[in-house]
């Protein structure tokens, strides 16, 4: 008996701690060994059909794969962004096919369902597998068993395998465009403001939108600003337009917004210096700097080691207008003219304003909508005198009289460039008759 002869309580406590530590270390070692890749077949070619859809359902498994990404920040793993049923999906395996030697490795996955599920049965998940040490697999398949035929499984290309030099400074991620979206004028204004502020790429996870909006998206795709990620989530799950579960039989909230945001971070991890997580009706407006680049240089200098910067959201009700910038040629375009909405709601007592983020994607592990869940390094709240989120939408404080709102014309600093650029887009898309 390891503790025989020990009579003092102190010695007994030390003994118990020692034994517990030894058992914990042994358990962790066994756990890691159980997740180590094992060769199950040799001398064959990878034949499974390569998956081309943004969302791929695994047969009868309540699991949906978005995309796998190589993640070498801690160890050599493949991290698959997916959606799973939080109770029913307990075991998954990664099947790696290594060429040219034809060895097939199977690795038990760690399934990490994100904590911000808001009561829905399905949630965003990281499916993480250790990779073979002597191989850099280009594709992976997912199965609920370590046995079977890999030829019957879809294969997914593992992205981010090679580190790249940044092709852009700022990428905006807009998750889940849905509901036959038709706020065309405000969308164009937001896009042109993003470009003025220094954005080179906007990634949109598109469920659906109006025909007119399709025309505008086509223009921005051809221009090279927009990348469209098809997001047919309602083909797989019953989606809610709410962020919290309403006991209404839906499977996942807000068209899978959180999954899309996480995918966007990993998709742009090797190609964008910063990733901006906000909606199409939100613009991070700098108050002390002319653009995002100078603002972020200053914020990073003041906050060394910080990879997540959070900006306060402020509502500019679309129901309260200024007479300025009533541009007649814009009146035929559906949507809100943000230049006419410069009155913001005051802060509500005991209500914290939600925040949106500019992040260094290489420091983020998991994100939610208004904060990151896991990251390397610190997060910093950006003071309102440095920048705020201009959010033009329906009022939250509907009963406030106009005189209780705060006149804030920060947006007007950009009015000349914005009007000129919007007119150019409207002319080129034939939404506005040429002058």
Protein backbone atom coordinates (compact mmCIF):
# COMPACT_ATOMS: atom_id res chain seq x y z
CA UNK A 1 0.00 0.00 0.00
CA UNK A 2 1.56 3.25 -1.12
CA UNK A 3 0.38 5.17 1.94
CA UNK A 4 0.87 2.47 4.62
CA UNK A 5 2.30 3.66 7.90
CA UNK A 6 1.42 7.31 7.37
CA UNK A 7 -0.46 8.58 10.40
CA UNK A 8 -0.52 12.34 10.23
CA UNK A 9 -3.33 14.10 8.37
CA UNK A 10 -0.76 16.18 6.49
CA UNK A 11 1.08 13.10 5.26
CA UNK A 12 -2.22 11.50 4.28
CA UNK A 13 -3.22 14.62 2.33
CA UNK A 14 0.15 14.69 0.52
CA UNK A 15 -0.26 11.01 -0.26
CA UNK A 16 -3.77 11.48 -1.67
CA UNK A 17 -2.64 14.43 -3.81
CA UNK A 18 0.33 12.41 -5.12
CA UNK A 19 -1.83 9.41 -6.04
CA UNK A 20 -4.47 11.68 -7.65
CA UNK A 21 -1.79 13.47 -9.68
CA UNK A 22 -0.30 10.17 -10.84
CA UNK A 23 -3.74 8.92 -11.90
CA UNK A 24 -4.50 12.22 -13.69
CA UNK A 25 -1.18 12.11 -15.58
CA UNK A 26 -1.80 8.47 -16.53
CA UNK A 27 -5.32 9.32 -17.69
CA UNK A 28 -4.13 12.25 -19.82
CA UNK A 29 -1.38 10.08 -21.31
CA UNK A 30 -3.91 7.38 -22.20
CA UNK A 31 -6.25 10.02 -23.63
CA UNK A 32 -3.51 11.43 -25.84
CA UNK A 33 -2.50 7.92 -26.95
CA UNK A 34 -6.12 7.17 -27.86
CA UNK A 35 -6.12 10.24 -30.12
CA UNK A 36 -2.82 9.39 -31.84
CA UNK A 37 -3.20 8.56 -35.56
CA UNK A 38 -2.96 4.83 -36.32
CA UNK A 39 -2.23 3.19 -39.68
CA UNK A 40 -5.19 1.01 -40.71
CA UNK A 41 -4.45 0.45 -44.42
CA UNK A 42 -1.42 0.70 -46.70
CA UNK A 43 -0.57 0.84 -50.37
CA UNK A 44 -3.74 2.32 -51.82
CA UNK A 45 -4.88 5.55 -53.46
CA UNK A 46 -7.29 8.08 -51.97
CA UNK A 47 -10.57 7.63 -53.84
CA UNK A 48 -13.35 9.29 -51.85
CA UNK A 49 -15.37 11.94 -53.66
CA UNK A 50 -14.10 15.44 -52.90
CA UNK A 51 -16.77 17.59 -51.20
CA UNK A 52 -17.47 20.88 -52.97
CA UNK A 53 -20.41 22.21 -50.94
CA UNK A 54 -19.98 24.77 -48.18
CA UNK A 55 -22.07 22.61 -45.84
CA UNK A 56 -21.78 18.81 -46.11
CA UNK A 57 -24.03 16.51 -44.09
CA UNK A 58 -22.50 13.27 -42.82
CA UNK A 59 -24.92 10.39 -43.39
CA UNK A 60 -27.19 9.67 -40.41
CA UNK A 61 -24.83 11.34 -38.00
CA UNK A 62 -26.31 14.75 -37.02
CA UNK A 63 -22.97 16.25 -38.08
CA UNK A 64 -22.33 18.88 -40.75
CA UNK A 65 -18.84 19.74 -41.98
CA UNK A 66 -18.04 23.25 -43.22
CA UNK A 67 -14.30 23.05 -43.83
CA UNK A 68 -11.08 21.66 -42.31
CA UNK A 69 -8.09 23.88 -41.59
CA UNK A 70 -4.52 23.04 -40.63
CA UNK A 71 -3.74 24.51 -37.21
CA UNK A 72 -0.13 24.27 -36.10
CA UNK A 73 -0.22 26.88 -33.34
CA UNK A 74 0.03 24.35 -30.50
CA UNK A 75 0.44 20.96 -32.14
CA UNK A 76 0.04 19.51 -35.63
CA UNK A 77 -3.75 19.20 -35.95
CA UNK A 78 -6.55 19.44 -38.45
CA UNK A 79 -9.38 21.59 -37.07
CA UNK A 80 -12.71 21.09 -38.82
CA UNK A 81 -15.33 23.81 -38.43
CA UNK A 82 -18.69 22.09 -38.19
CA UNK A 83 -22.17 21.92 -36.71
CA UNK A 84 -23.20 19.04 -34.45
CA UNK A 85 -26.08 17.99 -32.22
CA UNK A 86 -24.71 18.79 -28.77
CA UNK A 87 -26.05 15.59 -27.13
CA UNK A 88 -26.12 12.96 -29.86
CA UNK A 89 -22.67 13.34 -31.44
CA UNK A 90 -20.17 11.73 -29.09
CA UNK A 91 -17.57 10.08 -31.32
CA UNK A 92 -15.97 10.99 -34.64
CA UNK A 93 -12.76 9.93 -36.39
CA UNK A 94 -10.55 11.68 -38.93
CA UNK A 95 -9.36 9.50 -41.78
CA UNK A 96 -6.16 10.87 -43.33
CA UNK A 97 -4.85 9.49 -46.60
CA UNK A 98 -1.14 10.10 -47.07
CA UNK A 99 0.27 10.09 -50.58
CA UNK A 100 2.39 8.84 -52.28
CA UNK A 101 2.90 5.98 -49.77
CA UNK A 102 -0.85 5.26 -49.68
CA UNK A 103 -1.06 4.86 -45.92
CA UNK A 104 -4.43 5.60 -44.34
CA UNK A 105 -4.33 6.90 -40.78
CA UNK A 106 -7.29 7.12 -38.43
CA UNK A 107 -7.26 9.65 -35.60
CA UNK A 108 -9.92 9.97 -32.90
CA UNK A 109 -11.40 13.47 -32.89
CA UNK A 110 -11.87 15.79 -29.96
CA UNK A 111 -15.36 17.30 -30.39
CA UNK A 112 -15.60 20.76 -28.84
CA UNK A 113 -19.12 22.23 -29.08
CA UNK A 114 -18.92 25.99 -28.58
CA UNK A 115 -20.38 27.24 -25.30
CA UNK A 116 -22.49 29.96 -26.96
CA UNK A 117 -25.24 27.64 -28.22
CA UNK A 118 -28.06 29.72 -26.65
CA UNK A 119 -30.23 26.68 -25.97
CA UNK A 120 -30.45 25.32 -29.52
CA UNK A 121 -29.87 21.56 -29.96
CA UNK A 122 -27.28 22.15 -32.71
CA UNK A 123 -24.26 24.38 -32.30
CA UNK A 124 -20.94 25.38 -33.82
CA UNK A 125 -18.21 22.83 -33.09
CA UNK A 126 -14.50 22.34 -33.56
CA UNK A 127 -13.67 18.77 -34.56
CA UNK A 128 -9.94 18.50 -33.85
CA UNK A 129 -7.68 15.62 -34.89
CA UNK A 130 -3.95 15.03 -34.44
CA UNK A 131 -2.25 14.59 -37.82
CA UNK A 132 0.28 11.87 -38.66
CA UNK A 133 3.77 13.07 -37.76
CA UNK A 134 5.44 11.84 -40.94
CA UNK A 135 2.85 13.15 -43.39
CA UNK A 136 1.19 16.47 -44.26
CA UNK A 137 -2.20 15.25 -45.50
CA UNK A 138 -3.98 17.40 -48.06
CA UNK A 139 -7.44 15.88 -47.47
CA UNK A 140 -9.40 14.36 -44.61
CA UNK A 141 -12.59 12.32 -44.29
CA UNK A 142 -14.81 12.11 -41.21
CA UNK A 143 -16.51 8.94 -39.96
CA UNK A 144 -18.25 7.89 -36.74
CA UNK A 145 -16.16 4.71 -36.66
CA UNK A 146 -12.44 3.84 -36.95
CA UNK A 147 -13.43 1.03 -39.33
CA UNK A 148 -14.99 1.05 -42.77
CA UNK A 149 -14.29 1.92 -46.36
CA UNK A 150 -12.75 5.33 -47.02
CA UNK A 151 -13.95 5.18 -50.63
CA UNK A 152 -17.51 5.74 -49.39
CA UNK A 153 -16.64 8.90 -47.44
CA UNK A 154 -16.50 12.47 -48.80
CA UNK A 155 -13.01 13.97 -48.75
CA UNK A 156 -12.40 17.54 -47.61
CA UNK A 157 -9.42 19.64 -48.65
CA UNK A 158 -7.42 20.86 -45.65
CA UNK A 159 -6.92 24.61 -46.03
CA UNK A 160 -4.14 26.80 -44.57
CA UNK A 161 -1.59 24.02 -45.09
CA UNK A 162 0.99 26.53 -46.30
CA UNK A 163 1.65 29.82 -44.55
CA UNK A 164 1.13 32.77 -46.88
CA UNK A 165 2.10 36.42 -46.83
CA UNK A 166 -0.87 38.65 -46.11
CA UNK A 167 -2.64 39.66 -49.29
CA UNK A 168 -4.86 42.22 -47.50
CA UNK A 169 -4.85 44.27 -44.29
CA UNK A 170 -8.58 44.12 -43.49
CA UNK A 171 -11.26 41.56 -44.31
CA UNK A 172 -14.86 42.11 -43.19
CA UNK A 173 -16.89 38.97 -42.42
CA UNK A 174 -20.65 39.33 -42.89
CA UNK A 175 -22.41 36.21 -41.71
CA UNK A 176 -25.76 34.91 -42.86
CA UNK A 177 -27.32 37.25 -45.41
CA UNK A 178 -30.89 35.93 -45.39
CA UNK A 179 -34.59 36.89 -45.47
CA UNK A 180 -34.57 37.95 -49.15
CA UNK A 181 -32.24 40.80 -48.14
CA UNK A 182 -33.02 43.95 -50.12
CA UNK A 183 -31.50 46.90 -48.20
CA UNK A 184 -29.57 47.80 -51.33
CA UNK A 185 -28.70 51.45 -50.73
CA UNK A 186 -27.42 50.92 -47.19
CA UNK A 187 -25.44 47.87 -48.31
CA UNK A 188 -23.70 49.88 -51.05
CA UNK A 189 -23.02 52.72 -48.62
CA UNK A 190 -21.53 50.29 -46.08
CA UNK A 191 -19.35 48.67 -48.75
CA UNK A 192 -18.06 52.04 -49.93
CA UNK A 193 -17.43 53.16 -46.34
CA UNK A 194 -15.48 49.95 -45.68
CA UNK A 195 -13.31 50.70 -48.72
CA UNK A 196 -12.77 54.30 -47.64
CA UNK A 197 -11.69 53.06 -44.20
CA UNK A 198 -9.20 50.58 -45.68
CA UNK A 199 -10.97 47.27 -46.37
CA UNK A 200 -9.80 45.21 -49.35
CA UNK A 201 -12.03 42.14 -48.96
CA UNK A 202 -15.58 41.47 -47.74
CA UNK A 203 -16.66 37.85 -47.23
CA UNK A 204 -20.43 37.28 -47.25
CA UNK A 205 -22.10 34.04 -46.16
CA UNK A 206 -25.18 34.27 -48.38
CA UNK A 207 -28.34 32.32 -47.72
CA UNK A 208 -30.60 34.41 -49.95
CA UNK A 209 -31.30 37.95 -51.11
CA UNK A 210 -33.39 39.85 -53.66
CA UNK A 211 -32.71 39.84 -57.42
CA UNK A 212 -31.63 43.47 -57.18
CA UNK A 213 -29.21 42.63 -54.40
CA UNK A 214 -27.80 39.77 -56.53
CA UNK A 215 -27.00 42.35 -59.20
CA UNK A 216 -25.09 44.49 -56.68
CA UNK A 217 -23.21 41.48 -55.29
CA UNK A 218 -22.23 40.47 -58.83
CA UNK A 219 -20.73 43.94 -59.34
CA UNK A 220 -18.64 43.72 -56.17
CA UNK A 221 -17.51 40.16 -56.91
CA UNK A 222 -16.32 41.21 -60.39
CA UNK A 223 -14.63 44.25 -58.84
CA UNK A 224 -12.72 41.84 -56.57
CA UNK A 225 -13.99 43.27 -53.29
CA UNK A 226 -16.57 40.62 -52.35
CA UNK A 227 -16.22 36.87 -51.91
CA UNK A 228 -19.53 35.00 -51.69
CA UNK A 229 -19.71 31.83 -49.58
CA UNK A 230 -22.97 29.98 -50.35
CA UNK A 231 -24.74 29.25 -47.06
CA UNK A 232 -27.71 26.89 -47.68
CA UNK A 233 -28.10 25.96 -44.01
CA UNK A 234 -31.89 25.74 -44.21
CA UNK A 235 -31.47 22.83 -46.65
CA UNK A 236 -30.05 20.83 -43.73
CA UNK A 237 -31.57 22.23 -40.51
CA UNK A 238 -34.63 24.12 -39.32
CA UNK A 239 -33.19 27.57 -38.73
CA UNK A 240 -34.34 30.38 -36.48
CA UNK A 241 -34.05 34.08 -37.27
CA UNK A 242 -33.64 34.60 -33.50
CA UNK A 243 -30.38 34.24 -31.60
CA UNK A 244 -31.96 32.39 -28.64
CA UNK A 245 -33.98 29.16 -28.55
CA UNK A 246 -37.75 29.72 -28.49
CA UNK A 247 -38.93 26.11 -27.94
CA UNK A 248 -40.33 26.26 -31.48
CA UNK A 249 -38.75 23.14 -32.96
CA UNK A 250 -35.89 24.96 -34.67
CA UNK A 251 -32.40 23.44 -34.67
CA UNK A 252 -29.96 26.36 -34.76
CA UNK A 253 -30.07 30.10 -34.18
CA UNK A 254 -29.72 33.04 -36.54
CA UNK A 255 -29.00 30.93 -39.63
CA UNK A 256 -25.86 29.42 -38.07
CA UNK A 257 -24.20 32.81 -37.70
CA UNK A 258 -21.61 31.68 -35.14
CA UNK A 259 -20.43 28.80 -37.32
CA UNK A 260 -20.04 31.16 -40.29
CA UNK A 261 -18.01 33.65 -38.22
CA UNK A 262 -15.63 30.94 -37.03
CA UNK A 263 -15.21 29.62 -40.55
CA UNK A 264 -14.49 33.15 -41.79
CA UNK A 265 -11.74 33.64 -39.22
CA UNK A 266 -9.97 30.41 -40.20
CA UNK A 267 -10.58 30.99 -43.92
CA UNK A 268 -8.73 34.32 -43.66
CA UNK A 269 -6.14 33.34 -41.07
CA UNK A 270 -3.25 33.21 -43.52
CA UNK A 271 -4.30 35.93 -45.93
CA UNK A 272 -5.56 38.90 -43.87
CA UNK A 273 -3.76 40.87 -41.18
CA UNK A 274 -7.06 41.70 -39.46
CA UNK A 275 -10.58 40.28 -39.64
CA UNK A 276 -13.58 42.50 -38.84
CA UNK A 277 -16.69 40.78 -37.48
CA UNK A 278 -19.78 42.92 -38.02
CA UNK A 279 -23.07 43.04 -39.93
CA UNK A 280 -23.84 44.85 -43.18
CA UNK A 281 -25.70 47.63 -41.33
CA UNK A 282 -22.75 48.31 -39.00
CA UNK A 283 -19.67 50.49 -39.61
CA UNK A 284 -16.81 50.92 -37.14
CA UNK A 285 -16.27 54.69 -37.27
CA UNK A 286 -12.90 55.99 -36.03
CA UNK A 287 -13.15 59.32 -34.21
CA UNK A 288 -9.45 60.07 -33.69
CA UNK A 289 -8.02 58.57 -36.88
CA UNK A 290 -8.82 58.91 -40.59
CA UNK A 291 -8.96 55.15 -41.28
CA UNK A 292 -8.69 51.71 -39.70
CA UNK A 293 -5.01 51.20 -40.47
CA UNK A 294 -3.83 54.21 -38.48
CA UNK A 295 -6.38 53.42 -35.76
CA UNK A 296 -5.20 49.81 -35.40
CA UNK A 297 -1.52 50.82 -35.44
CA UNK A 298 -2.26 53.13 -32.52
CA UNK A 299 -4.39 50.56 -30.64
CA UNK A 300 -1.76 47.84 -31.01
CA UNK A 301 0.95 50.21 -29.82
CA UNK A 302 -1.12 51.01 -26.71
CA UNK A 303 -2.14 47.37 -26.13
CA UNK A 304 0.86 45.11 -26.85
CA UNK A 305 0.00 41.42 -27.03
CA UNK A 306 -3.69 42.11 -27.66
CA UNK A 307 -5.35 40.25 -30.53
CA UNK A 308 -9.01 41.19 -30.01
CA UNK A 309 -10.37 44.74 -30.06
CA UNK A 310 -14.02 45.29 -29.12
CA UNK A 311 -16.04 48.32 -30.24
CA UNK A 312 -19.26 49.59 -28.66
CA UNK A 313 -22.44 49.29 -30.70
CA UNK A 314 -24.62 52.43 -30.93
CA UNK A 315 -28.06 52.59 -32.53
CA UNK A 316 -28.89 55.33 -35.05
CA UNK A 317 -32.64 54.81 -35.57
CA UNK A 318 -33.68 54.69 -39.20
CA UNK A 319 -36.98 56.35 -38.22
CA UNK A 320 -35.30 59.66 -37.26
CA UNK A 321 -33.98 61.62 -40.24
CA UNK A 322 -32.00 64.74 -40.98
CA UNK A 323 -32.95 66.95 -43.92
CA UNK A 324 -29.35 66.97 -45.11
CA UNK A 325 -28.23 64.69 -47.97
CA UNK A 326 -31.71 63.95 -49.28
CA UNK A 327 -30.31 62.95 -52.67
CA UNK A 328 -33.22 62.60 -55.09
CA UNK A 329 -31.47 60.15 -57.44
CA UNK A 330 -31.09 57.71 -54.53
CA UNK A 331 -34.79 57.70 -53.71
CA UNK A 332 -35.58 55.03 -56.31
CA UNK A 333 -33.07 52.59 -54.78
CA UNK A 334 -34.56 50.39 -52.02
CA UNK A 335 -32.93 50.75 -48.64
CA UNK A 336 -31.83 53.28 -46.04
CA UNK A 337 -29.73 56.38 -46.76
CA UNK A 338 -27.37 56.37 -43.76
CA UNK A 339 -26.22 59.97 -44.37
CA UNK A 340 -29.66 61.12 -43.21
CA UNK A 341 -29.48 59.26 -39.89
CA UNK A 342 -27.14 61.05 -37.49
CA UNK A 343 -29.12 60.84 -34.24
CA UNK A 344 -28.11 58.06 -31.89
CA UNK A 345 -29.84 56.60 -28.92
CA UNK A 346 -28.33 57.38 -25.49
CA UNK A 347 -26.96 54.56 -23.36
CA UNK A 348 -29.61 52.68 -21.40
CA UNK A 349 -29.23 52.45 -17.65
CA UNK A 350 -27.94 49.06 -16.48
CA UNK A 351 -27.76 47.77 -20.09
CA UNK A 352 -24.35 47.01 -21.54
CA UNK A 353 -23.93 47.90 -25.21
CA UNK A 354 -22.99 44.80 -27.21
CA UNK A 355 -19.69 44.96 -29.05
CA UNK A 356 -18.31 43.87 -32.39
CA UNK A 357 -14.68 43.12 -33.11
CA UNK A 358 -11.55 43.63 -35.11
CA UNK A 359 -9.29 40.64 -34.46
CA UNK A 360 -5.91 39.24 -35.35
CA UNK A 361 -7.21 35.91 -36.70
CA UNK A 362 -4.03 34.04 -35.78
CA UNK A 363 -4.76 34.73 -32.11
CA UNK A 364 -8.37 33.50 -32.16
CA UNK A 365 -9.34 29.89 -31.40
CA UNK A 366 -13.12 30.23 -31.08
CA UNK A 367 -15.36 33.27 -31.47
CA UNK A 368 -18.92 34.17 -30.64
CA UNK A 369 -20.77 37.21 -32.03
CA UNK A 370 -19.92 39.85 -29.40
CA UNK A 371 -16.73 38.39 -27.91
CA UNK A 372 -14.18 35.65 -28.48
CA UNK A 373 -14.58 32.44 -26.49
CA UNK A 374 -10.95 31.27 -26.64
CA UNK A 375 -7.90 33.19 -27.83
CA UNK A 376 -4.17 33.63 -27.37
CA UNK A 377 -3.37 36.97 -25.74
CA UNK A 378 -5.66 39.67 -24.43
CA UNK A 379 -8.87 41.44 -25.45
CA UNK A 380 -9.26 45.22 -25.20
CA UNK A 381 -12.41 47.35 -25.08
CA UNK A 382 -11.88 50.36 -27.35
CA UNK A 383 -13.02 53.62 -25.72
CA UNK A 384 -15.93 55.38 -27.37
CA UNK A 385 -13.86 58.53 -27.96
CA UNK A 386 -11.56 56.44 -30.19
CA UNK A 387 -14.21 54.66 -32.26
CA UNK A 388 -17.81 53.46 -32.15
CA UNK A 389 -20.05 51.24 -34.22
CA UNK A 390 -22.48 53.24 -36.32
CA UNK A 391 -25.49 50.90 -36.44
CA UNK A 392 -28.39 52.25 -38.48
CA UNK A 393 -31.45 50.05 -37.90
CA UNK A 394 -34.88 50.10 -36.28
CA UNK A 395 -34.94 51.83 -32.91
CA UNK A 396 -34.40 49.91 -29.68
CA UNK A 397 -35.72 52.75 -27.51
CA UNK A 398 -38.84 53.45 -29.56
CA UNK A 399 -40.53 55.78 -27.09
CA UNK A 400 -37.68 58.29 -26.87
CA UNK A 401 -38.55 61.76 -28.20
CA UNK A 402 -36.21 63.21 -30.83
CA UNK A 403 -34.77 65.74 -28.35
CA UNK A 404 -33.52 62.86 -26.17
CA UNK A 405 -31.35 61.51 -29.02
CA UNK A 406 -27.72 62.58 -29.44
CA UNK A 407 -26.77 64.32 -32.70
CA UNK A 408 -23.58 62.66 -33.95
CA UNK A 409 -22.37 63.70 -37.41
CA UNK A 410 -19.08 61.76 -37.42
CA UNK A 411 -20.24 59.98 -40.59
CA UNK A 412 -20.46 63.29 -42.44
CA UNK A 413 -16.66 63.61 -42.36
CA UNK A 414 -16.69 61.14 -45.24
CA UNK A 415 -19.71 62.51 -47.11
CA UNK A 416 -17.94 63.78 -50.27
CA UNK A 417 -16.06 60.54 -50.95
CA UNK A 418 -19.06 58.42 -49.98
CA UNK A 419 -21.53 60.24 -52.24
CA UNK A 420 -19.11 60.16 -55.19
CA UNK A 421 -18.37 56.43 -54.75
CA UNK A 422 -22.01 55.43 -54.24
CA UNK A 423 -23.06 57.36 -57.36
CA UNK A 424 -20.38 55.55 -59.32
CA UNK A 425 -21.63 52.13 -58.18
CA UNK A 426 -25.28 53.03 -58.87
CA UNK A 427 -24.34 54.21 -62.35
CA UNK A 428 -22.24 51.13 -63.15
CA UNK A 429 -24.95 48.76 -61.91
CA UNK A 430 -27.60 50.76 -63.84
CA UNK A 431 -29.54 51.40 -60.62
CA UNK A 432 -29.20 55.11 -61.27
CA UNK A 433 -29.59 56.84 -64.59
CA UNK A 434 -26.32 58.44 -65.81
CA UNK A 435 -26.21 62.23 -65.55
